[in-house]
Amino acid sequence: MTPVKWVYSFLKKYRVKMALGLLMTTGIAMLTIVSPYISGIIVDDVIGAGNRELLPVMIGCLMGVTIIKGILRFSSQIMFEICSQGVLYSMRDAVYKKLLQEDFDFYNKNRTGDLMSRQTGDMDAIRHFIAYVIYAVYENILLLSFALLMIFTVNVRLALCMLIVLPFTALATYGQSKRVRPAFQKIRQQFSSLNTFVQENISGNRVVKAFAREDYEIGKFNKENDAYRDAELNASAIWMKFVPIFEFLSNVLTVVLMLYGGYMVIQGEITLGDMVTVNGYLWMLTVPLRMAGWWINDIHRFTTSAEKIYATYSQEPDIREPERPVERKHFEGNVEFKHVFYHADDADIITDINFKVKKGQTVGIIGSTGAGKSTVMNLLCRFYDASSGEVLVDGINVKDLDLYDLRDNIGMAMQDVFLFSDTIEGNIAYGRSHCSFEEVKKAAKMADANLFIQNMPEGYDTIVGERGVGLSGGQKQRISLARALLKDPAILILDDTTSAVDMETESYIQKQLKNIEKDCTIFIIAYRISSIKDADLILVMDRGRIVEQGTHEELVAAGGYYASAFHHQYGSFQNKGEVK
């Protein structure tokens, strides 16, 4: 499917309204030829021949035509605007739904600002095309055709003289079209780049201020802004070359009428009324010729925007629903990795991962930064697919499970905490929007968040800023943990969730987690030994491999990476591998 056909698939729903709008536009074009025709009759028969009794009739006709045209014009524009807004709504909805279906890899490769520009500037270019360009081009083609036809009825030779400029106009239109397309592609590219830069800097404004880099960022912004301005000016330079040509050709018609038409009146080949009639049709020829260049610009702006939106929309996610998914509303929580490998961008991320966890067990995962700890959990949630091997939940490969059922049974407190611009209650209840307030409060208590929430100005109704602005790192982590706990999941993943809380709070949270261990399999990714020392199984990862696994006591006794990390964190405060 081409981008234009894809846009048309949304427009098909409104084809009856579009056809009605074009029909009214046709009526407008047909009525437009009436006024010049009546003007010629007034000059020849009323003024020239003295038939004044025709004057009221002619004036009545002119007024009637004007009123009908006004009604048709208003109705047709309303019709096209309804169609354009309907298409825009449906298209924006479809693109947004598709964006929600995309996987992590898609967002790793596409910048947020680019995606936002598809939903704003590019969408508006399509709306403008449907609401204005379609009927404007159609109407002016009709006006040009009707005007030439009527001039032929007045005098064939005069009409042929008018036709001389059309081949030159066609050549100029083709030349502009050929040059303006890449210019518009550059404009959309620079607009996306500028949009991305602004979005990143607004999101990261605290980092900018923390490092006092305002001047540096202003300089970078100026470069992006200059590039966008230059792209617009380069496109304008193309218009500057061709617009004067269109203006010249349209004015040539006036010169032809004044000189040759005047000569024919003097020679008696046409009447003065005929010349007035042709002069009335003249603007119907000059306007399309004068505006041809601008409509070419609008058409290419539309096609470029459609291509960019469709290119984003047509990207299929690597993570897809299986053809015949295994549907299970509730899982027990048994997890097994069998010889799992994962490669990305020609790099080995994790290699030959093997472990088995029974329901209700707690698994700790520790290792250096970049060891692949979070990747293992991403494979379990099927945010990515294993390159080889099997990831099993309750003995079923996650690739065969219904994606919604799988993720609905997993509660995850991510390493990068994201809170929406909503109330604290709304953020905690995000995974179960219809739960009661008491359930929200219970989850907050388990995450040791209830006390600080109640001390806030509006309590659970306090609005937090974008990404949790106004909360400390530890507070955001506890709200994120409460959000995961409220789901009452079969599998709970805590990715470095307590790194920003004090030891006392961490100890409290661990005690609360023990209360749910019997019903929930828990994975804890951490750098602190204290976070995972009581786990039933501890996995030690390094460079994408599991280098050690066992209980706390077994790993300390083994004297490997885990024992070294334990000694570094606790020094002499240990006895036989146990923290005092």
Protein backbone atom coordinates (compact mmCIF):
# COMPACT_ATOMS: atom_id res chain seq x y z
CA MET A 1 0.00 0.00 0.00
CA THR A 2 1.28 3.45 -0.91
CA PRO A 3 1.08 6.35 1.60
CA VAL A 4 -1.59 8.11 -0.50
CA LYS A 5 -3.71 4.94 -0.69
CA TRP A 6 -3.33 4.58 3.07
CA VAL A 7 -4.67 8.12 3.58
CA TYR A 8 -7.51 7.33 1.17
CA SER A 9 -8.46 4.31 3.30
CA PHE A 10 -9.45 6.78 6.03
CA LEU A 11 -11.14 9.09 3.54
CA LYS A 12 -13.37 6.31 2.10
CA LYS A 13 -15.66 6.57 5.11
CA TYR A 14 -16.44 10.15 4.08
CA ARG A 15 -16.65 9.64 0.32
CA VAL A 16 -20.38 10.47 0.20
CA LYS A 17 -19.76 13.78 1.99
CA MET A 18 -16.71 14.45 -0.21
CA ALA A 19 -18.75 13.71 -3.35
CA LEU A 20 -21.51 16.02 -2.12
CA GLY A 21 -18.93 18.72 -1.41
CA LEU A 22 -17.41 18.34 -4.88
CA LEU A 23 -20.88 18.42 -6.42
CA MET A 24 -21.57 21.73 -4.67
CA THR A 25 -18.18 22.97 -5.86
CA THR A 26 -19.16 22.05 -9.41
CA GLY A 27 -22.35 24.07 -8.96
CA ILE A 28 -20.32 27.05 -7.74
CA ALA A 29 -18.06 26.85 -10.81
CA MET A 30 -21.06 26.64 -13.16
CA LEU A 31 -22.78 29.61 -11.51
CA THR A 32 -19.56 31.63 -11.72
CA ILE A 33 -19.83 31.82 -15.51
CA VAL A 34 -23.27 33.45 -15.25
CA SER A 35 -22.15 36.88 -13.99
CA PRO A 36 -19.77 37.68 -16.91
CA TYR A 37 -22.40 36.46 -19.36
CA ILE A 38 -25.08 38.74 -17.85
CA SER A 39 -22.60 41.64 -17.77
CA GLY A 40 -22.15 41.30 -21.54
CA ILE A 41 -25.91 41.32 -22.09
CA ILE A 42 -26.25 44.47 -19.95
CA VAL A 43 -23.58 46.27 -22.01
CA ASP A 44 -24.98 45.24 -25.44
CA ASP A 45 -28.73 45.06 -24.88
CA VAL A 46 -29.41 47.40 -21.95
CA ILE A 47 -26.79 50.12 -22.41
CA GLY A 48 -26.17 49.72 -26.16
CA ALA A 49 -29.65 48.86 -27.48
CA GLY A 50 -31.58 50.70 -24.76
CA ASN A 51 -33.70 47.75 -23.61
CA ARG A 52 -33.94 49.03 -20.03
CA GLU A 53 -36.79 46.67 -19.14
CA LEU A 54 -34.16 43.89 -19.06
CA LEU A 55 -32.16 45.64 -16.31
CA PRO A 56 -34.34 44.50 -13.30
CA VAL A 57 -34.34 40.95 -14.61
CA MET A 58 -30.55 40.95 -15.04
CA ILE A 59 -29.99 42.47 -11.58
CA GLY A 60 -32.36 39.89 -10.06
CA CYS A 61 -30.45 37.12 -11.76
CA LEU A 62 -27.12 38.45 -10.48
CA MET A 63 -28.46 38.71 -6.93
CA GLY A 64 -29.96 35.21 -7.09
CA VAL A 65 -26.72 33.70 -8.40
CA THR A 66 -24.71 35.47 -5.69
CA ILE A 67 -26.99 34.19 -2.92
CA ILE A 68 -26.99 30.61 -4.22
CA LYS A 69 -23.18 30.67 -4.63
CA GLY A 70 -22.79 31.96 -1.07
CA ILE A 71 -24.96 29.15 0.31
CA LEU A 72 -23.14 26.51 -1.74
CA ARG A 73 -19.74 27.94 -0.78
CA PHE A 74 -20.56 27.89 2.94
CA SER A 75 -22.09 24.41 2.78
CA SER A 76 -19.25 22.91 0.75
CA GLN A 77 -16.55 24.30 3.05
CA ILE A 78 -18.39 22.96 6.09
CA MET A 79 -18.60 19.58 4.35
CA PHE A 80 -14.88 19.48 3.55
CA GLU A 81 -13.98 20.61 7.06
CA ILE A 82 -16.12 17.83 8.57
CA CYS A 83 -14.37 15.31 6.33
CA SER A 84 -10.90 16.62 7.15
CA GLN A 85 -11.50 16.61 10.90
CA GLY A 86 -13.02 13.13 10.73
CA VAL A 87 -10.04 11.79 8.77
CA LEU A 88 -7.63 13.53 11.12
CA TYR A 89 -9.36 12.03 14.17
CA SER A 90 -9.41 8.49 12.76
CA MET A 91 -5.84 8.68 11.47
CA ARG A 92 -4.44 10.12 14.69
CA ASP A 93 -6.28 7.45 16.67
CA ALA A 94 -4.96 4.66 14.42
CA VAL A 95 -1.37 5.92 14.55
CA TYR A 96 -1.50 6.32 18.34
CA LYS A 97 -2.86 2.79 18.79
CA LYS A 98 -0.09 1.49 16.53
CA LEU A 99 2.52 3.35 18.58
CA LEU A 100 1.23 1.61 21.72
CA GLN A 101 1.68 -1.75 19.97
CA GLU A 102 5.30 -1.09 19.10
CA ASP A 103 8.02 -2.83 21.09
CA PHE A 104 11.02 -1.52 23.02
CA ASP A 105 13.28 -1.81 19.99
CA PHE A 106 11.06 0.61 18.03
CA TYR A 107 11.35 3.28 20.72
CA ASN A 108 15.08 2.67 21.03
CA LYS A 109 15.47 3.57 17.35
CA ASN A 110 12.93 6.42 17.05
CA ARG A 111 13.20 9.76 18.79
CA THR A 112 10.26 11.05 20.79
CA GLY A 113 10.30 14.42 19.02
CA ASP A 114 10.07 12.71 15.61
CA LEU A 115 7.05 10.70 16.70
CA MET A 116 5.40 13.81 18.14
CA SER A 117 5.88 15.72 14.88
CA ARG A 118 4.01 12.93 13.03
CA GLN A 119 1.02 13.49 15.31
CA THR A 120 1.10 17.28 14.99
CA GLY A 121 2.66 19.06 12.00
CA ASP A 122 2.41 16.16 9.54
CA MET A 123 -1.18 15.41 10.51
CA ASP A 124 -2.12 19.07 10.05
CA ALA A 125 -0.67 19.05 6.52
CA ILE A 126 -3.02 16.17 5.65
CA ARG A 127 -5.99 17.99 7.24
CA HIS A 128 -5.19 21.13 5.23
CA PHE A 129 -5.03 19.09 2.00
CA ILE A 130 -8.46 17.53 2.57
CA ALA A 131 -10.13 20.68 3.90
CA TYR A 132 -8.83 23.12 1.28
CA VAL A 133 -6.46 21.89 -1.42
CA ILE A 134 -8.76 19.22 -2.91
CA TYR A 135 -11.71 21.51 -3.53
CA ALA A 136 -9.55 24.52 -4.45
CA VAL A 137 -7.69 22.61 -7.17
CA TYR A 138 -10.88 20.93 -8.41
CA GLU A 139 -12.79 24.22 -8.51
CA ASN A 140 -10.09 26.09 -10.36
CA ILE A 141 -9.70 23.34 -12.95
CA LEU A 142 -13.43 23.66 -13.57
CA LEU A 143 -13.20 27.47 -13.72
CA LEU A 144 -10.35 27.27 -16.23
CA SER A 145 -12.25 24.76 -18.38
CA PHE A 146 -15.59 26.61 -18.24
CA ALA A 147 -13.94 29.97 -18.94
CA LEU A 148 -12.17 28.64 -22.04
CA LEU A 149 -15.37 26.98 -23.22
CA MET A 150 -17.34 30.23 -22.83
CA ILE A 151 -14.63 32.26 -24.58
CA PHE A 152 -14.80 29.80 -27.50
CA THR A 153 -18.55 30.52 -27.74
CA VAL A 154 -17.73 34.24 -28.00
CA ASN A 155 -14.88 34.00 -30.54
CA VAL A 156 -12.74 31.01 -31.51
CA ARG A 157 -9.65 33.01 -32.55
CA LEU A 158 -9.62 34.96 -29.29
CA ALA A 159 -9.93 31.71 -27.35
CA LEU A 160 -7.03 30.15 -29.27
CA CYS A 161 -4.85 33.16 -28.39
CA MET A 162 -5.71 32.57 -24.75
CA LEU A 163 -4.64 28.93 -25.05
CA ILE A 164 -1.10 29.88 -26.07
CA VAL A 165 0.01 30.40 -22.44
CA LEU A 166 -1.20 27.00 -21.18
CA PRO A 167 1.78 24.91 -22.45
CA PHE A 168 4.20 27.35 -20.81
CA THR A 169 2.23 27.13 -17.59
CA ALA A 170 2.35 23.34 -17.71
CA LEU A 171 6.14 23.39 -18.19
CA ALA A 172 6.62 25.81 -15.28
CA THR A 173 4.37 23.66 -13.08
CA TYR A 174 6.37 20.53 -13.90
CA GLY A 175 9.67 22.32 -13.23
CA GLN A 176 8.53 23.58 -9.84
CA SER A 177 7.07 20.20 -8.87
CA LYS A 178 10.34 18.45 -9.63
CA ARG A 179 12.38 20.85 -7.49
CA VAL A 180 10.03 21.45 -4.59
CA ARG A 181 9.55 17.79 -3.52
CA PRO A 182 13.06 17.26 -2.05
CA ALA A 183 12.83 20.72 -0.49
CA PHE A 184 9.72 19.73 1.44
CA GLN A 185 11.31 16.46 2.51
CA LYS A 186 14.19 18.48 3.96
CA ILE A 187 11.73 20.80 5.74
CA ARG A 188 9.91 17.90 7.41
CA GLN A 189 13.22 16.31 8.40
CA GLN A 190 14.50 19.53 9.99
CA PHE A 191 11.17 20.15 11.70
CA SER A 192 11.35 16.71 13.30
CA SER A 193 14.94 17.32 14.38
CA LEU A 194 14.04 20.69 15.92
CA ASN A 195 11.01 19.18 17.65
CA THR A 196 13.16 16.37 19.06
CA PHE A 197 15.77 18.78 20.37
CA VAL A 198 13.19 20.95 22.14
CA GLN A 199 11.44 17.92 23.66
CA GLU A 200 14.71 16.47 25.00
CA ASN A 201 15.80 19.76 26.52
CA ILE A 202 12.45 20.42 28.17
CA SER A 203 12.48 16.89 29.63
CA GLY A 204 16.10 17.24 30.72
CA ASN A 205 15.94 20.85 31.93
CA ARG A 206 17.10 19.89 35.43
CA VAL A 207 20.30 18.40 34.07
CA VAL A 208 20.88 21.53 31.99
CA LYS A 209 20.48 23.75 35.04
CA ALA A 210 22.50 21.46 37.30
CA PHE A 211 25.50 21.77 34.98
CA ALA A 212 24.85 25.43 34.11
CA ARG A 213 24.76 24.57 30.40
CA GLU A 214 22.04 26.98 29.33
CA ASP A 215 24.34 28.89 26.96
CA TYR A 216 25.60 25.65 25.43
CA GLU A 217 22.05 24.37 24.84
CA ILE A 218 20.96 27.74 23.41
CA GLY A 219 23.83 27.48 20.95
CA LYS A 220 22.73 23.97 19.93
CA PHE A 221 19.14 25.14 19.62
CA ASN A 222 20.22 28.02 17.38
CA LYS A 223 21.93 25.54 15.05
CA GLU A 224 18.77 23.44 14.83
CA ASN A 225 16.63 26.54 14.40
CA ASP A 226 18.95 27.91 11.72
CA ALA A 227 18.83 24.59 9.86
CA TYR A 228 15.03 24.63 9.88
CA ARG A 229 14.95 28.26 8.76
CA ASP A 230 17.43 27.53 5.96
CA ALA A 231 15.29 24.59 4.79
CA GLU A 232 12.24 26.85 4.64
CA LEU A 233 14.20 29.59 2.85
CA ASN A 234 15.58 27.11 0.33
CA ALA A 235 12.05 26.05 -0.48
CA SER A 236 11.02 29.71 -0.69
CA ALA A 237 13.86 30.32 -3.13
CA ILE A 238 12.27 27.76 -5.45
CA TRP A 239 8.93 29.54 -5.21
CA MET A 240 10.67 32.87 -5.88
CA LYS A 241 11.90 31.50 -9.19
CA PHE A 242 8.57 30.17 -10.39
CA VAL A 243 5.91 32.45 -8.89
CA PRO A 244 6.97 35.41 -11.10
CA ILE A 245 6.65 33.10 -14.12
CA PHE A 246 3.07 32.22 -13.18
CA GLU A 247 2.29 35.89 -12.52
CA PHE A 248 3.77 36.88 -15.88
CA LEU A 249 1.82 34.22 -17.79
CA SER A 250 -1.44 35.21 -16.09
CA ASN A 251 -0.85 38.88 -16.97
CA VAL A 252 -0.08 37.92 -20.58
CA LEU A 253 -3.76 36.96 -20.89
CA THR A 254 -4.80 40.47 -19.89
CA VAL A 255 -2.47 41.96 -22.49
CA VAL A 256 -3.83 39.58 -25.16
CA LEU A 257 -7.40 40.59 -24.35
CA MET A 258 -6.68 44.31 -24.27
CA LEU A 259 -4.70 44.36 -27.52
CA TYR A 260 -6.24 41.66 -29.68
CA GLY A 261 -9.72 41.86 -28.14
CA GLY A 262 -9.73 45.64 -28.48
CA TYR A 263 -8.62 45.35 -32.08
CA MET A 264 -11.49 42.90 -32.78
CA VAL A 265 -14.02 45.32 -31.22
CA ILE A 266 -12.72 48.13 -33.40
CA GLN A 267 -12.95 45.89 -36.47
CA GLY A 268 -16.48 44.89 -35.48
CA GLU A 269 -15.64 41.20 -35.17
CA ILE A 270 -16.96 41.14 -31.59
CA THR A 271 -19.14 43.56 -29.65
CA LEU A 272 -18.12 45.61 -26.65
CA GLY A 273 -20.39 43.40 -24.58
CA ASP A 274 -18.49 40.34 -25.81
CA MET A 275 -15.25 41.91 -24.66
CA VAL A 276 -16.77 42.69 -21.25
CA THR A 277 -17.90 39.05 -21.05
CA VAL A 278 -14.43 37.74 -21.92
CA ASN A 279 -12.89 40.17 -19.42
CA GLY A 280 -15.22 38.72 -16.79
CA TYR A 281 -13.96 35.24 -17.61
CA LEU A 282 -10.36 36.43 -17.56
CA TRP A 283 -9.92 36.11 -13.79
CA MET A 284 -11.18 32.53 -14.08
CA LEU A 285 -8.11 31.91 -16.24
CA THR A 286 -5.57 34.02 -14.36
CA VAL A 287 -6.30 32.79 -10.82
CA PRO A 288 -5.60 29.10 -11.61
CA LEU A 289 -2.45 30.09 -13.48
CA ARG A 290 -1.32 32.37 -10.67
CA MET A 291 -2.06 29.86 -7.89
CA ALA A 292 -0.77 26.73 -9.64
CA GLY A 293 2.64 27.03 -7.97
CA TRP A 294 1.16 27.37 -4.48
CA TRP A 295 -1.08 24.35 -4.96
CA ILE A 296 1.88 22.31 -6.14
CA ASN A 297 3.56 23.25 -2.84
CA ASP A 298 0.53 22.15 -0.83
CA ILE A 299 0.28 18.86 -2.71
CA HIS A 300 3.94 18.03 -2.09
CA ARG A 301 3.63 19.09 1.55
CA PHE A 302 0.76 16.60 1.80
CA THR A 303 2.57 13.72 0.07
CA THR A 304 5.73 14.27 2.12
CA SER A 305 3.78 14.28 5.39
CA ALA A 306 1.78 11.21 4.35
CA GLU A 307 5.00 9.35 3.54
CA LYS A 308 6.55 10.18 6.92
CA ILE A 309 3.45 9.21 8.89
CA TYR A 310 2.97 5.99 6.91
CA ALA A 311 6.66 5.07 7.28
CA THR A 312 6.19 5.21 11.06
CA TYR A 313 2.81 3.47 10.98
CA SER A 314 3.94 0.64 8.71
CA GLN A 315 6.83 -0.44 10.95
CA GLU A 316 5.79 -3.81 12.33
CA PRO A 317 6.93 -4.72 15.86
CA ASP A 318 9.25 -7.68 16.29
CA ILE A 319 7.20 -8.75 19.32
CA ARG A 320 3.88 -9.99 17.98
CA GLU A 321 0.95 -11.98 19.25
CA PRO A 322 1.24 -15.68 18.34
CA GLU A 323 -1.23 -16.90 15.72
CA ARG A 324 -2.92 -19.16 18.26
CA PRO A 325 -2.02 -17.76 21.67
CA VAL A 326 -2.38 -19.79 24.85
CA GLU A 327 -4.79 -17.81 27.00
CA ARG A 328 -4.50 -18.05 30.77
CA LYS A 329 -5.97 -15.45 33.08
CA HIS A 330 -3.86 -16.47 36.05
CA PHE A 331 -0.40 -18.02 36.27
CA GLU A 332 1.14 -19.94 39.13
CA GLY A 333 4.53 -18.25 38.71
CA ASN A 334 6.91 -21.08 37.79
CA VAL A 335 9.73 -19.68 35.65
CA GLU A 336 12.46 -21.45 33.71
CA PHE A 337 15.20 -20.25 31.34
CA LYS A 338 16.63 -22.95 29.05
CA HIS A 339 19.85 -22.10 27.20
CA VAL A 340 18.65 -18.56 26.46
CA PHE A 341 20.73 -16.30 24.20
CA TYR A 342 19.94 -12.75 23.15
CA HIS A 343 21.75 -10.76 20.46
CA ALA A 344 21.09 -7.15 19.45
CA ASP A 345 22.88 -5.04 16.83
CA ASP A 346 25.48 -7.80 16.27
CA ALA A 347 26.37 -7.83 19.98
CA ASP A 348 25.91 -10.69 22.45
CA ILE A 349 23.83 -9.29 25.31
CA ILE A 350 23.19 -12.48 27.28
CA THR A 351 24.64 -15.93 26.71
CA ASP A 352 23.39 -19.39 27.70
CA ILE A 353 21.18 -18.41 30.65
CA ASN A 354 19.85 -21.41 32.60
CA PHE A 355 17.87 -21.42 35.85
CA LYS A 356 14.59 -22.69 37.25
CA VAL A 357 12.33 -21.05 39.81
CA LYS A 358 9.28 -22.52 41.52
CA LYS A 359 6.22 -20.47 42.40
CA GLY A 360 6.51 -18.46 45.58
CA GLN A 361 10.33 -18.37 45.52
CA THR A 362 12.40 -15.21 45.65
CA VAL A 363 15.29 -14.80 43.21
CA GLY A 364 18.01 -12.20 43.63
CA ILE A 365 20.04 -11.06 40.63
CA ILE A 366 23.28 -9.18 41.17
CA GLY A 367 26.14 -8.14 38.93
CA SER A 368 28.07 -5.21 37.55
CA THR A 369 26.48 -2.52 35.38
CA GLY A 370 25.75 -3.87 31.91
CA ALA A 371 25.91 -7.50 33.02
CA GLY A 372 22.46 -8.20 31.49
CA LYS A 373 20.34 -8.33 34.65
CA SER A 374 17.48 -6.16 33.35
CA THR A 375 17.65 -7.86 29.94
CA VAL A 376 16.86 -11.23 31.53
CA MET A 377 13.70 -9.74 33.04
CA ASN A 378 12.80 -8.01 29.76
CA LEU A 379 12.92 -11.40 28.07
CA LEU A 380 10.63 -12.82 30.76
CA CYS A 381 8.11 -10.00 30.12
CA ARG A 382 8.66 -10.48 26.39
CA PHE A 383 9.69 -6.90 25.81
CA TYR A 384 12.33 -8.59 23.67
CA ASP A 385 12.40 -12.10 22.22
CA ALA A 386 15.22 -14.50 22.94
CA SER A 387 17.45 -15.12 19.93
CA SER A 388 17.57 -18.81 20.87
CA GLY A 389 16.56 -20.97 23.78
CA GLU A 390 13.30 -20.94 25.71
CA VAL A 391 11.79 -18.71 28.38
CA LEU A 392 9.03 -20.68 30.09
CA VAL A 393 6.27 -19.57 32.46
CA ASP A 394 4.37 -22.48 33.99
CA GLY A 395 6.03 -24.70 31.40
CA ILE A 396 4.77 -22.63 28.42
CA ASN A 397 7.08 -20.70 26.12
CA VAL A 398 6.32 -16.97 26.51
CA LYS A 399 6.29 -16.70 22.71
CA ASP A 400 3.18 -18.92 22.71
CA LEU A 401 1.33 -17.01 25.44
CA ASP A 402 -1.20 -14.24 24.93
CA LEU A 403 0.84 -11.05 25.43
CA TYR A 404 -1.83 -9.30 27.49
CA ASP A 405 -2.30 -12.30 29.80
CA LEU A 406 1.46 -12.66 30.29
CA ARG A 407 2.11 -9.03 31.18
CA ASP A 408 -1.10 -8.72 33.19
CA ASN A 409 0.26 -11.44 35.51
CA ILE A 410 3.58 -9.62 36.00
CA GLY A 411 4.05 -6.65 38.31
CA MET A 412 7.14 -4.62 37.54
CA ALA A 413 8.80 -1.76 39.35
CA MET A 414 11.22 -0.54 36.73
CA GLN A 415 14.70 0.85 37.19
CA ASP A 416 13.74 4.10 35.49
CA VAL A 417 10.68 5.18 37.48
CA PHE A 418 8.04 6.92 35.38
CA LEU A 419 5.08 8.62 37.01
CA PHE A 420 2.31 10.27 35.03
CA SER A 421 1.01 13.81 35.54
CA ASP A 422 -1.82 12.52 37.69
CA THR A 423 -2.75 12.10 41.35
CA ILE A 424 -0.68 9.79 43.52
CA GLU A 425 -3.72 7.54 43.82
CA GLY A 426 -4.06 7.47 40.02
CA ASN A 427 -0.40 6.52 39.61
CA ILE A 428 -0.60 3.68 42.13
CA ALA A 429 -3.87 2.39 40.66
CA TYR A 430 -2.56 2.58 37.08
CA GLY A 431 -2.51 -1.21 36.66
CA ARG A 432 -5.95 -1.65 38.30
CA SER A 433 -7.89 1.53 37.59
CA HIS A 434 -11.16 0.20 39.07
CA CYS A 435 -9.77 -0.89 42.43
CA SER A 436 -10.98 0.64 45.69
CA PHE A 437 -9.14 3.34 47.62
CA GLU A 438 -8.54 0.90 50.48
CA GLU A 439 -6.65 -1.41 48.13
CA VAL A 440 -4.53 1.53 46.95
CA LYS A 441 -3.78 2.46 50.55
CA LYS A 442 -2.90 -1.13 51.44
CA ALA A 443 -0.39 -1.31 48.60
CA ALA A 444 1.09 2.05 49.65
CA LYS A 445 1.52 0.75 53.21
CA MET A 446 3.34 -2.35 51.94
CA ALA A 447 5.70 -0.08 50.00
CA ASP A 448 6.14 2.18 53.06
CA ALA A 449 4.66 5.09 51.08
CA ASN A 450 1.47 5.73 53.04
CA LEU A 451 3.04 8.00 55.67
CA PHE A 452 4.75 10.47 53.33
CA ILE A 453 1.70 10.49 51.03
CA GLN A 454 -0.61 11.45 53.89
CA ASN A 455 1.77 14.26 54.85
CA MET A 456 1.51 15.79 51.37
CA PRO A 457 -0.84 18.80 50.83
CA GLU A 458 -3.67 16.85 49.20
CA GLY A 459 -2.70 13.37 50.38
CA TYR A 460 -3.50 10.73 47.76
CA ASP A 461 -5.13 13.43 45.62
CA THR A 462 -1.84 15.33 45.28
CA ILE A 463 -0.95 15.89 41.63
CA VAL A 464 2.61 14.88 40.84
CA GLY A 465 4.41 16.60 37.97
CA GLU A 466 5.62 14.93 34.81
CA ARG A 467 7.89 11.96 35.61
CA GLY A 468 7.17 12.48 39.32
CA VAL A 469 8.56 15.99 39.64
CA GLY A 470 8.19 17.17 43.23
CA LEU A 471 9.00 13.78 44.75
CA SER A 472 12.34 12.47 45.94
CA GLY A 473 13.96 9.47 44.29
CA GLY A 474 13.01 7.22 47.21
CA GLN A 475 9.41 8.44 47.19
CA LYS A 476 9.07 7.75 43.47
CA GLN A 477 10.51 4.27 43.94
CA ARG A 478 8.03 3.48 46.69
CA ILE A 479 5.08 4.68 44.59
CA SER A 480 6.36 2.56 41.72
CA LEU A 481 6.61 -0.44 44.07
CA ALA A 482 3.06 0.17 45.35
CA ARG A 483 1.84 0.29 41.73
CA ALA A 484 3.43 -3.12 41.06
CA LEU A 485 2.14 -4.67 44.30
CA LEU A 486 -1.44 -3.49 43.70
CA LYS A 487 -1.68 -5.73 40.63
CA ASP A 488 -1.43 -8.78 42.94
CA PRO A 489 0.73 -10.44 40.28
CA ALA A 490 1.88 -14.02 39.96
CA ILE A 491 5.38 -12.72 39.21
CA LEU A 492 6.84 -9.57 40.77
CA ILE A 493 9.96 -7.93 39.29
CA LEU A 494 11.80 -5.31 41.33
CA ASP A 495 14.53 -3.74 39.20
CA ASP A 496 16.79 -1.85 41.60
CA THR A 497 13.63 -0.61 43.31
CA THR A 498 15.07 0.23 46.74
CA SER A 499 18.36 1.83 45.72
CA ALA A 500 17.17 5.32 46.71
CA VAL A 501 15.61 4.40 50.07
CA ASP A 502 17.32 4.17 53.45
CA MET A 503 18.24 0.84 55.06
CA GLU A 504 15.35 1.02 57.55
CA THR A 505 12.79 1.49 54.76
CA GLU A 506 14.39 -1.28 52.73
CA SER A 507 14.16 -3.64 55.71
CA TYR A 508 10.48 -2.78 56.17
CA ILE A 509 9.73 -3.40 52.49
CA GLN A 510 11.52 -6.77 52.61
CA LYS A 511 9.38 -7.84 55.56
CA GLN A 512 6.23 -6.89 53.63
CA LEU A 513 7.40 -8.83 50.59
CA LYS A 514 7.81 -11.97 52.70
CA ASN A 515 4.08 -11.84 53.40
CA ILE A 516 3.30 -12.35 49.71
CA GLU A 517 6.07 -14.85 48.87
CA LYS A 518 3.79 -17.89 49.12
CA ASP A 519 1.57 -16.62 46.32
CA CYS A 520 4.07 -14.67 44.23
CA THR A 521 7.39 -15.40 42.56
CA ILE A 522 9.69 -12.43 43.18
CA PHE A 523 12.73 -11.34 41.18
CA ILE A 524 14.91 -8.70 42.83
CA ILE A 525 17.62 -6.97 40.80
CA ALA A 526 19.95 -5.10 43.13
CA TYR A 527 23.46 -3.91 43.85
CA ARG A 528 23.04 -4.15 47.63
CA ILE A 529 23.70 -7.52 49.20
CA SER A 530 21.12 -6.64 51.89
CA SER A 531 18.38 -6.55 49.23
CA ILE A 532 18.89 -10.15 48.11
CA LYS A 533 20.71 -12.05 50.88
CA ASP A 534 17.51 -13.80 52.03
CA ALA A 535 16.52 -14.92 48.52
CA ASP A 536 15.93 -18.61 47.81
CA LEU A 537 18.21 -18.35 44.78
CA ILE A 538 20.82 -15.73 43.92
CA LEU A 539 22.09 -15.35 40.36
CA VAL A 540 25.42 -13.58 39.85
CA MET A 541 25.81 -12.18 36.34
CA ASP A 542 28.85 -10.91 34.49
CA ARG A 543 29.09 -9.96 30.81
CA GLY A 544 25.75 -11.54 29.99
CA ARG A 545 26.43 -14.87 31.71
CA ILE A 546 25.42 -16.42 35.02
CA VAL A 547 28.81 -16.99 36.65
CA GLU A 548 27.50 -18.07 40.04
CA GLN A 549 24.20 -19.20 41.52
CA GLY A 550 23.09 -20.47 44.88
CA THR A 551 22.00 -19.21 48.29
CA HIS A 552 23.72 -16.42 50.19
CA GLU A 553 25.66 -18.83 52.39
CA GLU A 554 26.74 -21.00 49.45
CA LEU A 555 27.99 -18.05 47.42
CA VAL A 556 29.91 -16.48 50.29
CA ALA A 557 31.55 -19.82 50.98
CA ALA A 558 32.45 -20.18 47.28
CA GLY A 559 34.70 -17.09 47.52
CA GLY A 560 33.81 -15.73 44.07
CA TYR A 561 32.36 -12.44 42.79
CA TYR A 562 29.48 -12.50 45.28
CA ALA A 563 31.77 -13.09 48.26
CA SER A 564 34.00 -10.24 47.10
CA ALA A 565 31.02 -7.90 46.78
CA PHE A 566 29.79 -8.99 50.21
CA HIS A 567 33.15 -8.26 51.85
CA HIS A 568 33.39 -4.88 50.14
CA GLN A 569 29.93 -3.84 51.33
CA TYR A 570 30.11 -5.19 54.87
CA GLY A 571 33.78 -5.42 55.65
CA SER A 572 34.29 -6.94 59.11
CA PHE A 573 30.56 -6.87 59.90
CA GLN A 574 30.05 -10.46 58.92
CA ASN A 575 30.27 -13.82 60.51
CA LYS A 576 30.22 -17.01 58.53
CA GLY A 577 28.62 -15.21 55.65
CA GLU A 578 25.86 -13.63 57.74
CA VAL A 579 25.23 -9.94 58.28
CA LYS A 580 24.98 -8.95 61.91
